[in-house]
Amino acid sequence: MPRTTAHRTAALATTAITALGPLLLGLWAAGPARAHGAPTDPVSRVYACSPDGGAPSRSTACRAAVAANGGPFTAWDNLRVANVNGRDRQTIADGQLCSGGLSSYRGLDLARSDWPSTRLTPGGTLRMTYVTTIPHTGTFKLYLTKQGYDPSQPLTWDDLPTRPFAEVRDPAPANGAYRFTAKLPADRTGRQVLYTVWQNSGTPDTYYSCSDVVFPEGASKAPSPSASRASAASSAAAAPKRPSGSPSVSAVPTPAEVAPAAAAPSSATAVAPAGTPVASTTGAGSGPSAPVLAGGAAAVLVLTGGAALVLRLRRR
């Protein structure tokens, strides 16, 4: 190749790398900032009805929610309100608890009794999996609707106790999710809502989510150890998949203040509609930020290859 042509080719390659490099790297760096987290077990409405929700996303309730919303819940991990500072009841209006008052999530506030749900045991152990696409420090507050809650009516603050039945402060994420346990109230039956408030301490944001749960009718106390083992064994096959080699879940010290626990098979199973949602984003390298990271890696390869091309051309 003539020297003039080689120099011209090298110059074009350098120009392309200079122009595209910052753009590709900028997309890679900025991408994850849109995403943060939501419960996947017990499955939250926003995750169940998202494009990642699997079979539950095709349920009648989810189709109605998407229609009322005017669009899919693609950003299922971004339901957050800034500068609440613990004033949840003063900031979020009755009837808008599941959407956090955000118009882009308004379909989640529909009063229905057929939302995808998770079966729980009164007085049993709740094993929460809260997928995080960007970890934050903060406190999880868990509320359960009062006995007598009517799912055909909009969810209000009066439907929830004044105090949460459990709080978890600054749990450490593992394999893309926060996992912790809490002892459930023993006096609930029928369909209820597990309301999760995640108040960040490292950012001004608070996240809200509704997980529909079902307690067996007539059950008002925790099952015997043998029944618990049988229930856990029968639900293991239907529970969302966890990363292999996960340690067992630790016991909960008290209902009021629980310690974060490592990953373990969930005792909760989806009961409506058929099919259990798989929390595919709990694995390392998964979740909404994974395609963006892949784009970042591609950008690095482009820059590296371009630099090598320039050096090769200049030697000729």
C-alpha atoms as a PDB file:
ATOM      1  CA  MET A   1       0.000   0.000   0.000  1.00  0.00           C
ATOM      2  CA  PRO A   2       1.429   3.441  -0.912  1.00  0.00           C
ATOM      3  CA  ARG A   3       2.577   5.483   2.051  1.00  0.00           C
ATOM      4  CA  THR A   4       0.038   8.257   1.299  1.00  0.00           C
ATOM      5  CA  THR A   5      -2.862   5.769   1.238  1.00  0.00           C
ATOM      6  CA  ALA A   6      -1.665   4.115   4.452  1.00  0.00           C
ATOM      7  CA  HIS A   7      -1.444   7.466   6.182  1.00  0.00           C
ATOM      8  CA  ARG A   8      -4.913   8.405   4.940  1.00  0.00           C
ATOM      9  CA  THR A   9      -6.370   5.080   6.171  1.00  0.00           C
ATOM     10  CA  ALA A  10      -4.700   5.469   9.541  1.00  0.00           C
ATOM     11  CA  ALA A  11      -6.044   8.993   9.853  1.00  0.00           C
ATOM     12  CA  LEU A  12      -9.593   7.840   9.072  1.00  0.00           C
ATOM     13  CA  ALA A  13      -9.347   5.030  11.606  1.00  0.00           C
ATOM     14  CA  THR A  14      -8.084   7.422  14.259  1.00  0.00           C
ATOM     15  CA  THR A  15     -10.889   9.872  13.498  1.00  0.00           C
ATOM     16  CA  ALA A  16     -13.522   7.128  13.763  1.00  0.00           C
ATOM     17  CA  ILE A  17     -12.162   5.891  17.081  1.00  0.00           C
ATOM     18  CA  THR A  18     -11.987   9.426  18.432  1.00  0.00           C
ATOM     19  CA  ALA A  19     -15.575  10.141  17.396  1.00  0.00           C
ATOM     20  CA  LEU A  20     -17.214   6.868  18.409  1.00  0.00           C
ATOM     21  CA  GLY A  21     -15.150   5.991  21.472  1.00  0.00           C
ATOM     22  CA  PRO A  22     -16.566   8.598  23.865  1.00  0.00           C
ATOM     23  CA  LEU A  23     -20.090   7.891  22.614  1.00  0.00           C
ATOM     24  CA  LEU A  24     -19.874   4.127  23.185  1.00  0.00           C
ATOM     25  CA  LEU A  25     -18.134   4.482  26.515  1.00  0.00           C
ATOM     26  CA  GLY A  26     -20.609   7.155  27.557  1.00  0.00           C
ATOM     27  CA  LEU A  27     -23.529   4.835  26.821  1.00  0.00           C
ATOM     28  CA  TRP A  28     -21.855   2.055  28.792  1.00  0.00           C
ATOM     29  CA  ALA A  29     -21.187   4.286  31.801  1.00  0.00           C
ATOM     30  CA  ALA A  30     -24.580   6.024  31.793  1.00  0.00           C
ATOM     31  CA  GLY A  31     -26.760   2.970  31.153  1.00  0.00           C
ATOM     32  CA  PRO A  32     -27.011   1.446  34.660  1.00  0.00           C
ATOM     33  CA  ALA A  33     -28.044   4.773  36.217  1.00  0.00           C
ATOM     34  CA  ARG A  34     -31.657   4.168  35.166  1.00  0.00           C
ATOM     35  CA  ALA A  35     -32.129   1.015  37.205  1.00  0.00           C
ATOM     36  CA  HIS A  36     -32.189   0.115  40.883  1.00  0.00           C
ATOM     37  CA  GLY A  37     -34.424  -2.705  42.192  1.00  0.00           C
ATOM     38  CA  ALA A  38     -37.726  -4.434  43.025  1.00  0.00           C
ATOM     39  CA  PRO A  39     -38.967  -7.607  44.765  1.00  0.00           C
ATOM     40  CA  THR A  40     -39.051 -10.747  42.656  1.00  0.00           C
ATOM     41  CA  ASP A  41     -40.005 -13.134  45.486  1.00  0.00           C
ATOM     42  CA  PRO A  42     -42.696 -12.684  46.662  1.00  0.00           C
ATOM     43  CA  VAL A  43     -43.151 -11.383  43.156  1.00  0.00           C
ATOM     44  CA  SER A  44     -44.120  -7.707  42.955  1.00  0.00           C
ATOM     45  CA  ARG A  45     -46.753  -6.448  40.553  1.00  0.00           C
ATOM     46  CA  VAL A  46     -44.267  -4.325  38.664  1.00  0.00           C
ATOM     47  CA  TYR A  47     -41.905  -7.256  38.042  1.00  0.00           C
ATOM     48  CA  ALA A  48     -44.631  -9.822  37.341  1.00  0.00           C
ATOM     49  CA  CYS A  49     -46.184  -7.538  34.720  1.00  0.00           C
ATOM     50  CA  SER A  50     -42.886  -6.497  33.134  1.00  0.00           C
ATOM     51  CA  PRO A  51     -41.428  -7.988  29.932  1.00  0.00           C
ATOM     52  CA  ASP A  52     -39.128 -10.001  32.247  1.00  0.00           C
ATOM     53  CA  GLY A  53     -42.015 -11.422  34.288  1.00  0.00           C
ATOM     54  CA  GLY A  54     -42.552 -14.588  32.264  1.00  0.00           C
ATOM     55  CA  ALA A  55     -45.962 -16.315  32.364  1.00  0.00           C
ATOM     56  CA  PRO A  56     -47.485 -13.910  34.947  1.00  0.00           C
ATOM     57  CA  SER A  57     -46.929 -11.008  32.535  1.00  0.00           C
ATOM     58  CA  ARG A  58     -49.551 -12.592  30.272  1.00  0.00           C
ATOM     59  CA  SER A  59     -52.184 -12.810  33.016  1.00  0.00           C
ATOM     60  CA  THR A  60     -55.467 -10.954  32.750  1.00  0.00           C
ATOM     61  CA  ALA A  61     -54.496  -8.588  35.577  1.00  0.00           C
ATOM     62  CA  CYS A  62     -51.146  -7.735  34.014  1.00  0.00           C
ATOM     63  CA  ARG A  63     -52.677  -7.128  30.594  1.00  0.00           C
ATOM     64  CA  ALA A  64     -55.179  -4.778  32.225  1.00  0.00           C
ATOM     65  CA  ALA A  65     -52.393  -3.006  34.125  1.00  0.00           C
ATOM     66  CA  VAL A  66     -50.330  -2.466  30.971  1.00  0.00           C
ATOM     67  CA  ALA A  67     -53.409  -1.155  29.146  1.00  0.00           C
ATOM     68  CA  ALA A  68     -54.228   1.253  31.983  1.00  0.00           C
ATOM     69  CA  ASN A  69     -50.603   2.259  32.116  1.00  0.00           C
ATOM     70  CA  GLY A  70     -50.429   3.060  28.420  1.00  0.00           C
ATOM     71  CA  GLY A  71     -47.216   1.050  28.004  1.00  0.00           C
ATOM     72  CA  PRO A  72     -45.193  -1.888  29.366  1.00  0.00           C
ATOM     73  CA  PHE A  73     -43.382  -1.834  32.702  1.00  0.00           C
ATOM     74  CA  THR A  74     -39.969  -2.032  31.108  1.00  0.00           C
ATOM     75  CA  ALA A  75     -38.285  -0.046  33.901  1.00  0.00           C
ATOM     76  CA  TRP A  76     -39.618  -2.369  36.616  1.00  0.00           C
ATOM     77  CA  ASP A  77     -36.597  -1.552  38.800  1.00  0.00           C
ATOM     78  CA  ASN A  78     -37.069   2.204  38.801  1.00  0.00           C
ATOM     79  CA  LEU A  79     -40.273   2.828  40.793  1.00  0.00           C
ATOM     80  CA  ARG A  80     -38.911   5.489  43.115  1.00  0.00           C
ATOM     81  CA  VAL A  81     -39.839   8.859  44.575  1.00  0.00           C
ATOM     82  CA  ALA A  82     -37.250  11.426  45.634  1.00  0.00           C
ATOM     83  CA  ASN A  83     -37.061  13.411  48.861  1.00  0.00           C
ATOM     84  CA  VAL A  84     -39.736  11.543  50.822  1.00  0.00           C
ATOM     85  CA  ASN A  85     -37.520  11.317  53.920  1.00  0.00           C
ATOM     86  CA  GLY A  86     -39.787   8.913  55.784  1.00  0.00           C
ATOM     87  CA  ARG A  87     -42.962  10.928  55.121  1.00  0.00           C
ATOM     88  CA  ASP A  88     -44.535   8.097  53.117  1.00  0.00           C
ATOM     89  CA  ARG A  89     -48.099   8.608  54.336  1.00  0.00           C
ATOM     90  CA  GLN A  90     -47.935  12.332  53.707  1.00  0.00           C
ATOM     91  CA  THR A  91     -46.362  11.968  50.248  1.00  0.00           C
ATOM     92  CA  ILE A  92     -48.085   8.968  48.646  1.00  0.00           C
ATOM     93  CA  ALA A  93     -51.856   9.381  48.287  1.00  0.00           C
ATOM     94  CA  ASP A  94     -54.422   6.691  49.115  1.00  0.00           C
ATOM     95  CA  GLY A  95     -55.157   4.546  46.099  1.00  0.00           C
ATOM     96  CA  GLN A  96     -51.674   5.191  44.688  1.00  0.00           C
ATOM     97  CA  LEU A  97     -49.526   3.130  47.041  1.00  0.00           C
ATOM     98  CA  CYS A  98     -48.476   0.542  44.455  1.00  0.00           C
ATOM     99  CA  SER A  99     -47.468   3.147  41.861  1.00  0.00           C
ATOM    100  CA  GLY A 100     -45.864   5.517  44.359  1.00  0.00           C
ATOM    101  CA  GLY A 101     -48.066   8.190  42.776  1.00  0.00           C
ATOM    102  CA  LEU A 102     -46.049   7.980  39.533  1.00  0.00           C
ATOM    103  CA  SER A 103     -48.164   8.230  36.388  1.00  0.00           C
ATOM    104  CA  SER A 104     -45.856   5.897  34.477  1.00  0.00           C
ATOM    105  CA  TYR A 105     -46.807   3.092  36.913  1.00  0.00           C
ATOM    106  CA  ARG A 106     -50.488   3.927  37.467  1.00  0.00           C
ATOM    107  CA  GLY A 107     -51.650   0.555  36.136  1.00  0.00           C
ATOM    108  CA  LEU A 108     -50.291  -1.086  39.298  1.00  0.00           C
ATOM    109  CA  ASP A 109     -52.987   0.597  41.407  1.00  0.00           C
ATOM    110  CA  LEU A 110     -55.892  -1.286  39.803  1.00  0.00           C
ATOM    111  CA  ALA A 111     -58.123  -2.816  42.493  1.00  0.00           C
ATOM    112  CA  ARG A 112     -58.290  -6.489  41.485  1.00  0.00           C
ATOM    113  CA  SER A 113     -58.314  -9.889  43.151  1.00  0.00           C
ATOM    114  CA  ASP A 114     -56.509 -11.730  40.354  1.00  0.00           C
ATOM    115  CA  TRP A 115     -52.999 -10.259  40.472  1.00  0.00           C
ATOM    116  CA  PRO A 116     -50.204 -12.854  40.177  1.00  0.00           C
ATOM    117  CA  SER A 117     -49.653 -13.953  43.769  1.00  0.00           C
ATOM    118  CA  THR A 118     -47.401 -15.952  46.077  1.00  0.00           C
ATOM    119  CA  ARG A 119     -48.573 -18.438  48.707  1.00  0.00           C
ATOM    120  CA  LEU A 120     -47.338 -17.801  52.262  1.00  0.00           C
ATOM    121  CA  THR A 121     -47.931 -19.402  55.663  1.00  0.00           C
ATOM    122  CA  PRO A 122     -49.349 -17.405  58.608  1.00  0.00           C
ATOM    123  CA  GLY A 123     -46.684 -17.088  61.285  1.00  0.00           C
ATOM    124  CA  GLY A 124     -44.143 -18.632  58.932  1.00  0.00           C
ATOM    125  CA  THR A 125     -40.882 -17.261  57.584  1.00  0.00           C
ATOM    126  CA  LEU A 126     -40.894 -14.786  54.735  1.00  0.00           C
ATOM    127  CA  ARG A 127     -37.858 -15.133  52.480  1.00  0.00           C
ATOM    128  CA  MET A 128     -37.550 -11.947  50.492  1.00  0.00           C
ATOM    129  CA  THR A 129     -35.548 -11.647  47.279  1.00  0.00           C
ATOM    130  CA  TYR A 130     -35.186  -8.017  46.236  1.00  0.00           C
ATOM    131  CA  VAL A 131     -33.232  -7.778  43.001  1.00  0.00           C
ATOM    132  CA  THR A 132     -30.949  -4.761  42.814  1.00  0.00           C
ATOM    133  CA  THR A 133     -29.462  -3.484  39.593  1.00  0.00           C
ATOM    134  CA  ILE A 134     -27.689  -0.696  41.481  1.00  0.00           C
ATOM    135  CA  PRO A 135     -26.968  -1.400  45.174  1.00  0.00           C
ATOM    136  CA  HIS A 136     -27.862   1.268  47.737  1.00  0.00           C
ATOM    137  CA  THR A 137     -27.694   1.487  51.494  1.00  0.00           C
ATOM    138  CA  GLY A 138     -30.975   1.964  53.285  1.00  0.00           C
ATOM    139  CA  THR A 139     -33.815   0.405  55.261  1.00  0.00           C
ATOM    140  CA  PHE A 140     -36.457  -2.036  54.042  1.00  0.00           C
ATOM    141  CA  LYS A 141     -39.813  -1.683  55.807  1.00  0.00           C
ATOM    142  CA  LEU A 142     -42.289  -4.539  55.370  1.00  0.00           C
ATOM    143  CA  TYR A 143     -46.025  -4.068  55.872  1.00  0.00           C
ATOM    144  CA  LEU A 144     -48.844  -6.587  55.501  1.00  0.00           C
ATOM    145  CA  THR A 145     -52.435  -5.506  54.956  1.00  0.00           C
ATOM    146  CA  LYS A 146     -54.754  -5.956  57.914  1.00  0.00           C
ATOM    147  CA  GLN A 147     -57.059  -8.941  58.215  1.00  0.00           C
ATOM    148  CA  GLY A 148     -60.262  -8.004  56.403  1.00  0.00           C
ATOM    149  CA  TYR A 149     -58.449  -6.223  53.550  1.00  0.00           C
ATOM    150  CA  ASP A 150     -60.681  -6.051  50.454  1.00  0.00           C
ATOM    151  CA  PRO A 151     -58.661  -6.416  47.204  1.00  0.00           C
ATOM    152  CA  SER A 152     -61.611  -5.112  45.185  1.00  0.00           C
ATOM    153  CA  GLN A 153     -61.040  -1.679  46.727  1.00  0.00           C
ATOM    154  CA  PRO A 154     -58.056   0.673  46.129  1.00  0.00           C
ATOM    155  CA  LEU A 155     -55.212   0.113  48.605  1.00  0.00           C
ATOM    156  CA  THR A 156     -55.042   2.849  51.254  1.00  0.00           C
ATOM    157  CA  TRP A 157     -52.818   3.582  54.212  1.00  0.00           C
ATOM    158  CA  ASP A 158     -55.678   2.579  56.536  1.00  0.00           C
ATOM    159  CA  ASP A 159     -55.380  -0.933  55.097  1.00  0.00           C
ATOM    160  CA  LEU A 160     -51.858  -1.148  56.547  1.00  0.00           C
ATOM    161  CA  PRO A 161     -50.754  -1.190  60.200  1.00  0.00           C
ATOM    162  CA  THR A 162     -49.071   1.954  61.463  1.00  0.00           C
ATOM    163  CA  ARG A 163     -45.808   0.108  62.056  1.00  0.00           C
ATOM    164  CA  PRO A 164     -44.110  -2.439  59.749  1.00  0.00           C
ATOM    165  CA  PHE A 165     -43.927  -6.032  60.962  1.00  0.00           C
ATOM    166  CA  ALA A 166     -40.215  -6.061  60.075  1.00  0.00           C
ATOM    167  CA  GLU A 167     -37.370  -3.703  59.182  1.00  0.00           C
ATOM    168  CA  VAL A 168     -34.013  -4.580  57.649  1.00  0.00           C
ATOM    169  CA  ARG A 169     -31.189  -2.048  57.625  1.00  0.00           C
ATOM    170  CA  ASP A 170     -28.334  -2.072  55.111  1.00  0.00           C
ATOM    171  CA  PRO A 171     -28.373  -5.711  54.007  1.00  0.00           C
ATOM    172  CA  ALA A 172     -25.445  -6.717  51.825  1.00  0.00           C
ATOM    173  CA  PRO A 173     -26.368  -7.653  48.235  1.00  0.00           C
ATOM    174  CA  ALA A 174     -25.242 -11.031  46.926  1.00  0.00           C
ATOM    175  CA  ASN A 175     -25.459 -12.251  43.330  1.00  0.00           C
ATOM    176  CA  GLY A 176     -27.476  -9.222  42.280  1.00  0.00           C
ATOM    177  CA  ALA A 177     -30.092  -9.262  45.050  1.00  0.00           C
ATOM    178  CA  TYR A 178     -30.811  -8.490  48.671  1.00  0.00           C
ATOM    179  CA  ARG A 179     -32.036 -11.610  50.467  1.00  0.00           C
ATOM    180  CA  PHE A 180     -33.375 -11.537  54.006  1.00  0.00           C
ATOM    181  CA  THR A 181     -35.937 -13.233  56.199  1.00  0.00           C
ATOM    182  CA  ALA A 182     -38.698 -12.046  58.516  1.00  0.00           C
ATOM    183  CA  LYS A 183     -41.347 -13.727  60.643  1.00  0.00           C
ATOM    184  CA  LEU A 184     -44.831 -13.201  59.213  1.00  0.00           C
ATOM    185  CA  PRO A 185     -47.841 -12.202  61.332  1.00  0.00           C
ATOM    186  CA  ALA A 186     -49.823 -15.279  62.400  1.00  0.00           C
ATOM    187  CA  ASP A 187     -53.348 -13.856  62.062  1.00  0.00           C
ATOM    188  CA  ARG A 188     -53.702 -13.358  58.303  1.00  0.00           C
ATOM    189  CA  THR A 189     -55.815 -15.460  55.941  1.00  0.00           C
ATOM    190  CA  GLY A 190     -56.883 -15.071  52.345  1.00  0.00           C
ATOM    191  CA  ARG A 191     -55.508 -12.558  49.847  1.00  0.00           C
ATOM    192  CA  GLN A 192     -53.306  -9.788  51.228  1.00  0.00           C
ATOM    193  CA  VAL A 193     -50.700  -7.294  49.985  1.00  0.00           C
ATOM    194  CA  LEU A 194     -47.091  -7.269  51.151  1.00  0.00           C
ATOM    195  CA  TYR A 195     -46.091  -3.620  50.901  1.00  0.00           C
ATOM    196  CA  THR A 196     -42.350  -2.958  50.755  1.00  0.00           C
ATOM    197  CA  VAL A 197     -40.821   0.464  51.321  1.00  0.00           C
ATOM    198  CA  TRP A 198     -37.091   0.780  50.635  1.00  0.00           C
ATOM    199  CA  GLN A 199     -35.858   4.099  51.991  1.00  0.00           C
ATOM    200  CA  ASN A 200     -32.347   4.788  50.739  1.00  0.00           C
ATOM    201  CA  SER A 201     -29.786   6.423  52.975  1.00  0.00           C
ATOM    202  CA  GLY A 202     -27.160   6.862  50.247  1.00  0.00           C
ATOM    203  CA  THR A 203     -29.569   8.611  47.853  1.00  0.00           C
ATOM    204  CA  PRO A 204     -32.669  10.807  48.384  1.00  0.00           C
ATOM    205  CA  ASP A 205     -34.914   8.114  46.855  1.00  0.00           C
ATOM    206  CA  THR A 206     -37.562   5.808  48.330  1.00  0.00           C
ATOM    207  CA  TYR A 207     -38.836   2.761  46.430  1.00  0.00           C
ATOM    208  CA  TYR A 208     -42.349   1.303  46.743  1.00  0.00           C
ATOM    209  CA  SER A 209     -43.728  -2.065  45.713  1.00  0.00           C
ATOM    210  CA  CYS A 210     -46.806  -4.259  46.117  1.00  0.00           C
ATOM    211  CA  SER A 211     -46.524  -8.050  46.227  1.00  0.00           C
ATOM    212  CA  ASP A 212     -49.833  -9.914  46.248  1.00  0.00           C
ATOM    213  CA  VAL A 213     -49.783 -12.883  48.630  1.00  0.00           C
ATOM    214  CA  VAL A 214     -52.289 -15.556  49.657  1.00  0.00           C
ATOM    215  CA  PHE A 215     -52.580 -17.222  53.076  1.00  0.00           C
ATOM    216  CA  PRO A 216     -54.552 -20.472  53.422  1.00  0.00           C
ATOM    217  CA  GLU A 217     -58.066 -19.940  54.731  1.00  0.00           C
ATOM    218  CA  GLY A 218     -58.497 -21.168  58.302  1.00  0.00           C
ATOM    219  CA  ALA A 219     -54.744 -21.284  58.995  1.00  0.00           C
ATOM    220  CA  SER A 220     -53.856 -18.997  61.892  1.00  0.00           C
ATOM    221  CA  LYS A 221     -50.611 -20.447  63.180  1.00  0.00           C
ATOM    222  CA  ALA A 222     -47.302 -21.647  61.849  1.00  0.00           C
ATOM    223  CA  PRO A 223     -47.213 -25.317  60.725  1.00  0.00           C
ATOM    224  CA  SER A 224     -45.342 -28.028  62.581  1.00  0.00           C
ATOM    225  CA  PRO A 225     -41.667 -28.602  61.706  1.00  0.00           C
ATOM    226  CA  SER A 226     -42.563 -31.714  59.682  1.00  0.00           C
ATOM    227  CA  ALA A 227     -45.223 -29.805  57.718  1.00  0.00           C
ATOM    228  CA  SER A 228     -42.784 -26.979  57.089  1.00  0.00           C
ATOM    229  CA  ARG A 229     -40.210 -29.400  55.711  1.00  0.00           C
ATOM    230  CA  ALA A 230     -42.808 -31.004  53.452  1.00  0.00           C
ATOM    231  CA  SER A 231     -43.979 -27.594  52.193  1.00  0.00           C
ATOM    232  CA  ALA A 232     -40.423 -26.466  51.503  1.00  0.00           C
ATOM    233  CA  ALA A 233     -39.673 -29.685  49.609  1.00  0.00           C
ATOM    234  CA  SER A 234     -42.808 -29.440  47.466  1.00  0.00           C
ATOM    235  CA  SER A 235     -42.210 -25.786  46.588  1.00  0.00           C
ATOM    236  CA  ALA A 236     -38.502 -26.091  45.801  1.00  0.00           C
ATOM    237  CA  ALA A 237     -39.181 -27.167  42.218  1.00  0.00           C
ATOM    238  CA  ALA A 238     -41.502 -24.206  41.569  1.00  0.00           C
ATOM    239  CA  ALA A 239     -39.458 -21.544  43.340  1.00  0.00           C
ATOM    240  CA  PRO A 240     -37.369 -19.043  41.299  1.00  0.00           C
ATOM    241  CA  LYS A 241     -33.934 -20.408  40.521  1.00  0.00           C
ATOM    242  CA  ARG A 242     -31.067 -19.282  42.741  1.00  0.00           C
ATOM    243  CA  PRO A 243     -27.350 -19.313  42.037  1.00  0.00           C
ATOM    244  CA  SER A 244     -25.824 -22.679  42.883  1.00  0.00           C
ATOM    245  CA  GLY A 245     -23.786 -23.097  46.053  1.00  0.00           C
ATOM    246  CA  SER A 246     -25.897 -20.636  48.051  1.00  0.00           C
ATOM    247  CA  PRO A 247     -25.664 -20.907  51.852  1.00  0.00           C
ATOM    248  CA  SER A 248     -28.756 -21.584  53.949  1.00  0.00           C
ATOM    249  CA  VAL A 249     -31.013 -18.852  55.280  1.00  0.00           C
ATOM    250  CA  SER A 250     -30.352 -17.807  58.876  1.00  0.00           C
ATOM    251  CA  ALA A 251     -33.063 -17.633  61.517  1.00  0.00           C
ATOM    252  CA  VAL A 252     -34.816 -14.354  62.303  1.00  0.00           C
ATOM    253  CA  PRO A 253     -33.965 -12.903  65.756  1.00  0.00           C
ATOM    254  CA  THR A 254     -37.224 -10.954  66.225  1.00  0.00           C
ATOM    255  CA  PRO A 255     -40.166  -9.864  64.058  1.00  0.00           C
ATOM    256  CA  ALA A 256     -39.382  -6.184  64.617  1.00  0.00           C
ATOM    257  CA  GLU A 257     -35.755  -6.163  63.558  1.00  0.00           C
ATOM    258  CA  VAL A 258     -34.379  -8.900  61.336  1.00  0.00           C
ATOM    259  CA  ALA A 259     -30.927  -9.588  60.025  1.00  0.00           C
ATOM    260  CA  PRO A 260     -30.119 -10.009  56.309  1.00  0.00           C
ATOM    261  CA  ALA A 261     -29.737 -13.602  55.235  1.00  0.00           C
ATOM    262  CA  ALA A 262     -28.012 -15.314  52.349  1.00  0.00           C
ATOM    263  CA  ALA A 263     -29.794 -16.879  49.389  1.00  0.00           C
ATOM    264  CA  ALA A 264     -31.957 -19.943  49.934  1.00  0.00           C
ATOM    265  CA  PRO A 265     -34.809 -21.720  48.122  1.00  0.00           C
ATOM    266  CA  SER A 266     -38.024 -19.817  48.725  1.00  0.00           C
ATOM    267  CA  SER A 267     -40.908 -21.357  50.630  1.00  0.00           C
ATOM    268  CA  ALA A 268     -43.314 -19.230  48.604  1.00  0.00           C
ATOM    269  CA  THR A 269     -44.771 -20.447  45.342  1.00  0.00           C
ATOM    270  CA  ALA A 270     -46.760 -18.530  42.747  1.00  0.00           C
ATOM    271  CA  VAL A 271     -50.386 -19.624  42.817  1.00  0.00           C
ATOM    272  CA  ALA A 272     -52.058 -17.414  40.237  1.00  0.00           C
ATOM    273  CA  PRO A 273     -51.752 -17.545  37.342  1.00  0.00           C
ATOM    274  CA  ALA A 274     -50.196 -20.901  36.530  1.00  0.00           C
ATOM    275  CA  GLY A 275     -46.438 -20.757  36.238  1.00  0.00           C
ATOM    276  CA  THR A 276     -43.920 -19.365  38.674  1.00  0.00           C
ATOM    277  CA  PRO A 277     -41.994 -16.247  37.626  1.00  0.00           C
ATOM    278  CA  VAL A 278     -38.281 -16.870  37.362  1.00  0.00           C
ATOM    279  CA  ALA A 279     -36.169 -14.105  38.853  1.00  0.00           C
ATOM    280  CA  SER A 280     -33.587 -14.370  36.116  1.00  0.00           C
ATOM    281  CA  THR A 281     -32.063 -11.054  37.099  1.00  0.00           C
ATOM    282  CA  THR A 282     -30.832 -12.384  40.452  1.00  0.00           C
ATOM    283  CA  GLY A 283     -27.819 -14.058  38.894  1.00  0.00           C
ATOM    284  CA  ALA A 284     -24.496 -12.305  38.544  1.00  0.00           C
ATOM    285  CA  GLY A 285     -24.218 -10.377  35.326  1.00  0.00           C
ATOM    286  CA  SER A 286     -27.955 -10.387  34.651  1.00  0.00           C
ATOM    287  CA  GLY A 287     -30.646  -7.740  34.886  1.00  0.00           C
ATOM    288  CA  PRO A 288     -31.335  -4.625  32.835  1.00  0.00           C
ATOM    289  CA  SER A 289     -27.741  -3.462  33.098  1.00  0.00           C
ATOM    290  CA  ALA A 290     -26.271  -6.593  31.469  1.00  0.00           C
ATOM    291  CA  PRO A 291     -26.883  -5.491  27.831  1.00  0.00           C
ATOM    292  CA  VAL A 292     -25.374  -2.128  28.647  1.00  0.00           C
ATOM    293  CA  LEU A 293     -22.291  -3.764  30.122  1.00  0.00           C
ATOM    294  CA  ALA A 294     -22.040  -5.879  26.988  1.00  0.00           C
ATOM    295  CA  GLY A 295     -22.148  -2.675  24.974  1.00  0.00           C
ATOM    296  CA  GLY A 296     -19.341  -1.284  27.127  1.00  0.00           C
ATOM    297  CA  ALA A 297     -17.227  -4.350  26.477  1.00  0.00           C
ATOM    298  CA  ALA A 298     -17.866  -3.988  22.762  1.00  0.00           C
ATOM    299  CA  ALA A 299     -16.773  -0.360  22.957  1.00  0.00           C
ATOM    300  CA  VAL A 300     -13.499  -1.379  24.592  1.00  0.00           C
ATOM    301  CA  LEU A 301     -12.894  -3.972  21.846  1.00  0.00           C
ATOM    302  CA  VAL A 302     -13.593  -1.351  19.173  1.00  0.00           C
ATOM    303  CA  LEU A 303     -11.121   1.070  20.727  1.00  0.00           C
ATOM    304  CA  THR A 304      -8.455  -1.609  21.192  1.00  0.00           C
ATOM    305  CA  GLY A 305      -8.850  -2.949  17.666  1.00  0.00           C
ATOM    306  CA  GLY A 306      -8.767   0.528  16.194  1.00  0.00           C
ATOM    307  CA  ALA A 307      -5.567   1.389  18.047  1.00  0.00           C
ATOM    308  CA  ALA A 308      -3.907  -1.812  16.815  1.00  0.00           C
ATOM    309  CA  LEU A 309      -4.944  -1.024  13.246  1.00  0.00           C
ATOM    310  CA  VAL A 310      -3.392   2.422  13.445  1.00  0.00           C
ATOM    311  CA  LEU A 311      -0.081   1.039  14.710  1.00  0.00           C
ATOM    312  CA  ARG A 312       0.017  -1.654  12.014  1.00  0.00           C
ATOM    313  CA  LEU A 313      -0.678   0.848   9.256  1.00  0.00           C
ATOM    314  CA  ARG A 314       1.988   3.236  10.488  1.00  0.00           C
ATOM    315  CA  ARG A 315       4.677   0.526  10.377  1.00  0.00           C
ATOM    316  CA  ARG A 316       4.115  -0.081   6.696  1.00  0.00           C
END
